[in-house]
Amino acid sequence: MTTPQGGSNHATDCEIAHRITNALIVKGTNVRALSDATGISYPTLRRSLTGGRSLTFLEFGKIAGAIDVPPSTLLPATLTGNAA
């Protein structure tokens, strides 16, 4: 996802991808099933989860819905205002 300033933040994208990947593991599913559930093409989703591109807001929402988690659980604390 892009940062509020409008520029891409690779570290933030990687943290979100890591959280999504962990959520998939907990749910017992995989990227292919997530692709099918969200309608996001598998290559696009793989690029997003390996740091090759940022997720759009719409894609992020579809992913959270498909893995049945509140979107805030997939965001780093720096984006939710819960930073220590």
N, C-alpha and C. Protein backbone atom coordinates (compact mmCIF):
# COMPACT_ATOMS: atom_id res chain seq x y z
N MET A 1 0.86 -1.18 0.00
CA MET A 1 0.00 0.00 0.00
C MET A 1 0.89 1.22 0.00
N THR A 2 0.39 2.31 -0.52
CA THR A 2 1.19 3.53 -0.51
C THR A 2 1.01 4.23 0.82
N THR A 3 2.01 4.98 1.19
CA THR A 3 1.97 5.71 2.44
C THR A 3 1.06 6.92 2.30
N PRO A 4 0.60 7.50 3.44
CA PRO A 4 -0.25 8.68 3.36
C PRO A 4 0.38 9.83 2.59
N GLN A 5 1.71 9.90 2.54
CA GLN A 5 2.37 10.98 1.82
C GLN A 5 2.33 10.76 0.32
N GLY A 6 1.88 9.55 -0.11
CA GLY A 6 1.74 9.30 -1.54
C GLY A 6 2.89 8.51 -2.14
N GLY A 7 4.02 8.37 -1.42
CA GLY A 7 5.13 7.60 -1.93
C GLY A 7 5.06 6.16 -1.44
N SER A 8 5.69 5.27 -2.19
CA SER A 8 5.70 3.87 -1.78
C SER A 8 6.71 3.69 -0.66
N ASN A 9 6.36 2.91 0.33
CA ASN A 9 7.25 2.62 1.44
C ASN A 9 7.48 1.12 1.45
N HIS A 10 8.65 0.69 0.96
CA HIS A 10 8.94 -0.73 0.81
C HIS A 10 8.85 -1.48 2.13
N ALA A 11 9.35 -0.91 3.22
CA ALA A 11 9.30 -1.58 4.52
C ALA A 11 7.85 -1.81 4.96
N THR A 12 6.99 -0.84 4.74
CA THR A 12 5.57 -0.97 5.10
C THR A 12 4.91 -2.03 4.23
N ASP A 13 5.18 -2.01 2.93
CA ASP A 13 4.63 -3.02 2.03
C ASP A 13 5.06 -4.42 2.47
N CYS A 14 6.33 -4.57 2.85
CA CYS A 14 6.84 -5.87 3.27
C CYS A 14 6.18 -6.32 4.57
N GLU A 15 5.96 -5.41 5.49
CA GLU A 15 5.29 -5.76 6.76
C GLU A 15 3.86 -6.20 6.50
N ILE A 16 3.16 -5.50 5.64
CA ILE A 16 1.78 -5.89 5.30
C ILE A 16 1.78 -7.26 4.63
N ALA A 17 2.68 -7.48 3.69
CA ALA A 17 2.78 -8.77 3.01
C ALA A 17 3.06 -9.89 4.00
N HIS A 18 3.94 -9.63 4.95
CA HIS A 18 4.27 -10.62 5.98
C HIS A 18 3.04 -10.95 6.83
N ARG A 19 2.29 -9.94 7.20
CA ARG A 19 1.08 -10.16 8.00
C ARG A 19 0.02 -10.94 7.22
N ILE A 20 -0.11 -10.64 5.94
CA ILE A 20 -1.06 -11.38 5.11
C ILE A 20 -0.62 -12.84 4.99
N THR A 21 0.66 -13.04 4.73
CA THR A 21 1.19 -14.40 4.60
C THR A 21 0.97 -15.20 5.89
N ASN A 22 1.22 -14.57 7.03
CA ASN A 22 0.99 -15.25 8.32
C ASN A 22 -0.48 -15.58 8.51
N ALA A 23 -1.35 -14.66 8.12
CA ALA A 23 -2.79 -14.91 8.24
C ALA A 23 -3.22 -16.08 7.36
N LEU A 24 -2.61 -16.20 6.18
CA LEU A 24 -2.92 -17.33 5.31
C LEU A 24 -2.50 -18.65 5.97
N ILE A 25 -1.35 -18.64 6.60
CA ILE A 25 -0.86 -19.84 7.28
C ILE A 25 -1.80 -20.23 8.42
N VAL A 26 -2.19 -19.24 9.22
CA VAL A 26 -3.10 -19.50 10.33
C VAL A 26 -4.43 -20.06 9.82
N LYS A 27 -4.90 -19.49 8.72
CA LYS A 27 -6.18 -19.94 8.15
C LYS A 27 -6.05 -21.29 7.45
N GLY A 28 -4.82 -21.70 7.15
CA GLY A 28 -4.60 -22.97 6.47
C GLY A 28 -4.89 -22.92 4.99
N THR A 29 -4.62 -21.77 4.39
CA THR A 29 -4.86 -21.62 2.96
C THR A 29 -3.60 -21.11 2.28
N ASN A 30 -3.70 -20.80 1.01
CA ASN A 30 -2.51 -20.38 0.27
C ASN A 30 -2.84 -19.22 -0.67
N VAL A 31 -1.81 -18.74 -1.34
CA VAL A 31 -1.96 -17.58 -2.22
C VAL A 31 -2.88 -17.88 -3.40
N ARG A 32 -2.82 -19.10 -3.92
CA ARG A 32 -3.68 -19.46 -5.05
C ARG A 32 -5.15 -19.36 -4.64
N ALA A 33 -5.49 -19.89 -3.46
CA ALA A 33 -6.87 -19.82 -2.97
C ALA A 33 -7.27 -18.38 -2.70
N LEU A 34 -6.33 -17.58 -2.19
CA LEU A 34 -6.61 -16.16 -1.94
C LEU A 34 -6.88 -15.45 -3.26
N SER A 35 -6.11 -15.78 -4.27
CA SER A 35 -6.33 -15.20 -5.60
C SER A 35 -7.73 -15.52 -6.10
N ASP A 36 -8.11 -16.78 -5.97
CA ASP A 36 -9.45 -17.20 -6.41
C ASP A 36 -10.55 -16.47 -5.63
N ALA A 37 -10.34 -16.33 -4.31
CA ALA A 37 -11.37 -15.71 -3.46
C ALA A 37 -11.50 -14.21 -3.68
N THR A 38 -10.41 -13.54 -4.07
CA THR A 38 -10.43 -12.09 -4.21
C THR A 38 -10.62 -11.60 -5.64
N GLY A 39 -10.33 -12.47 -6.60
CA GLY A 39 -10.36 -12.04 -7.99
C GLY A 39 -9.10 -11.29 -8.40
N ILE A 40 -8.10 -11.24 -7.51
CA ILE A 40 -6.82 -10.63 -7.85
C ILE A 40 -6.00 -11.71 -8.54
N SER A 41 -5.45 -11.41 -9.70
CA SER A 41 -4.72 -12.44 -10.43
C SER A 41 -3.58 -12.98 -9.58
N TYR A 42 -3.29 -14.26 -9.75
CA TYR A 42 -2.23 -14.91 -8.97
C TYR A 42 -0.89 -14.21 -9.15
N PRO A 43 -0.45 -13.91 -10.39
CA PRO A 43 0.84 -13.22 -10.54
C PRO A 43 0.88 -11.86 -9.84
N THR A 44 -0.21 -11.12 -9.91
CA THR A 44 -0.26 -9.81 -9.25
C THR A 44 -0.18 -9.98 -7.74
N LEU A 45 -0.92 -10.93 -7.22
CA LEU A 45 -0.91 -11.17 -5.78
C LEU A 45 0.46 -11.64 -5.31
N ARG A 46 1.10 -12.53 -6.05
CA ARG A 46 2.45 -13.00 -5.70
C ARG A 46 3.43 -11.83 -5.68
N ARG A 47 3.36 -10.96 -6.69
CA ARG A 47 4.26 -9.79 -6.72
C ARG A 47 4.04 -8.93 -5.49
N SER A 48 2.80 -8.74 -5.10
CA SER A 48 2.49 -7.91 -3.94
C SER A 48 3.01 -8.54 -2.65
N LEU A 49 2.93 -9.85 -2.56
CA LEU A 49 3.33 -10.53 -1.33
C LEU A 49 4.82 -10.83 -1.27
N THR A 50 5.53 -10.54 -2.35
CA THR A 50 6.99 -10.70 -2.34
C THR A 50 7.71 -9.36 -2.48
N GLY A 51 6.97 -8.27 -2.34
CA GLY A 51 7.59 -6.95 -2.35
C GLY A 51 7.78 -6.32 -3.71
N GLY A 52 7.22 -6.93 -4.75
CA GLY A 52 7.39 -6.41 -6.09
C GLY A 52 6.44 -5.28 -6.47
N ARG A 53 5.37 -5.12 -5.70
CA ARG A 53 4.42 -4.04 -5.97
C ARG A 53 3.59 -3.80 -4.72
N SER A 54 3.05 -2.60 -4.62
CA SER A 54 2.17 -2.25 -3.50
C SER A 54 0.75 -2.72 -3.80
N LEU A 55 0.04 -3.08 -2.74
CA LEU A 55 -1.38 -3.40 -2.87
C LEU A 55 -2.17 -2.11 -3.00
N THR A 56 -3.24 -2.14 -3.76
CA THR A 56 -4.15 -1.00 -3.77
C THR A 56 -5.05 -1.11 -2.55
N PHE A 57 -5.72 -0.05 -2.22
CA PHE A 57 -6.65 -0.05 -1.10
C PHE A 57 -7.76 -1.08 -1.33
N LEU A 58 -8.28 -1.14 -2.54
CA LEU A 58 -9.33 -2.10 -2.88
C LEU A 58 -8.84 -3.54 -2.74
N GLU A 59 -7.64 -3.82 -3.23
CA GLU A 59 -7.07 -5.16 -3.10
C GLU A 59 -6.90 -5.53 -1.62
N PHE A 60 -6.40 -4.58 -0.84
CA PHE A 60 -6.19 -4.81 0.58
C PHE A 60 -7.51 -5.17 1.27
N GLY A 61 -8.56 -4.45 0.94
CA GLY A 61 -9.87 -4.74 1.52
C GLY A 61 -10.40 -6.10 1.11
N LYS A 62 -10.21 -6.46 -0.14
CA LYS A 62 -10.64 -7.78 -0.62
C LYS A 62 -9.89 -8.89 0.12
N ILE A 63 -8.61 -8.69 0.33
CA ILE A 63 -7.79 -9.69 1.01
C ILE A 63 -8.25 -9.86 2.45
N ALA A 64 -8.43 -8.76 3.17
CA ALA A 64 -8.88 -8.84 4.56
C ALA A 64 -10.23 -9.57 4.64
N GLY A 65 -11.13 -9.25 3.73
CA GLY A 65 -12.43 -9.92 3.71
C GLY A 65 -12.33 -11.40 3.40
N ALA A 66 -11.47 -11.75 2.46
CA ALA A 66 -11.33 -13.15 2.06
C ALA A 66 -10.72 -14.01 3.15
N ILE A 67 -9.82 -13.43 3.94
CA ILE A 67 -9.22 -14.22 5.02
C ILE A 67 -9.92 -13.97 6.35
N ASP A 68 -10.99 -13.19 6.29
CA ASP A 68 -11.88 -12.98 7.43
C ASP A 68 -11.16 -12.42 8.66
N VAL A 69 -10.42 -11.34 8.43
CA VAL A 69 -9.76 -10.65 9.54
C VAL A 69 -10.05 -9.15 9.42
N PRO A 70 -10.07 -8.44 10.55
CA PRO A 70 -10.21 -6.99 10.45
C PRO A 70 -9.00 -6.42 9.71
N PRO A 71 -9.20 -5.51 8.79
CA PRO A 71 -8.08 -4.94 8.04
C PRO A 71 -6.97 -4.40 8.94
N SER A 72 -7.34 -3.85 10.08
CA SER A 72 -6.33 -3.26 10.97
C SER A 72 -5.31 -4.29 11.46
N THR A 73 -5.68 -5.57 11.51
CA THR A 73 -4.73 -6.59 11.97
C THR A 73 -3.64 -6.85 10.94
N LEU A 74 -3.86 -6.41 9.71
CA LEU A 74 -2.87 -6.61 8.66
C LEU A 74 -1.96 -5.40 8.48
N LEU A 75 -2.22 -4.34 9.23
CA LEU A 75 -1.43 -3.12 9.10
C LEU A 75 -0.40 -3.00 10.22
N PRO A 76 0.76 -2.46 9.90
CA PRO A 76 1.76 -2.20 10.94
C PRO A 76 1.25 -1.15 11.92
N ALA A 77 1.75 -1.19 13.13
CA ALA A 77 1.34 -0.25 14.17
C ALA A 77 1.58 1.20 13.74
N THR A 78 2.59 1.42 12.90
CA THR A 78 2.89 2.79 12.46
C THR A 78 1.76 3.39 11.63
N LEU A 79 0.93 2.53 11.03
CA LEU A 79 -0.19 3.02 10.23
C LEU A 79 -1.50 3.08 11.01
N THR A 80 -1.57 2.36 12.13
CA THR A 80 -2.80 2.33 12.91
C THR A 80 -2.78 3.27 14.09
N GLY A 81 -1.61 3.89 14.32
CA GLY A 81 -1.50 4.80 15.46
C GLY A 81 -1.22 4.08 16.76
N ASN A 82 -0.91 2.79 16.70
CA ASN A 82 -0.62 2.01 17.90
C ASN A 82 0.85 1.77 18.09
N ALA A 83 1.69 2.61 17.50
CA ALA A 83 3.13 2.43 17.64
C ALA A 83 3.56 2.69 19.08
N ALA A 84 4.50 1.89 19.53
CA ALA A 84 4.97 2.03 20.91
C ALA A 84 5.88 3.22 21.05
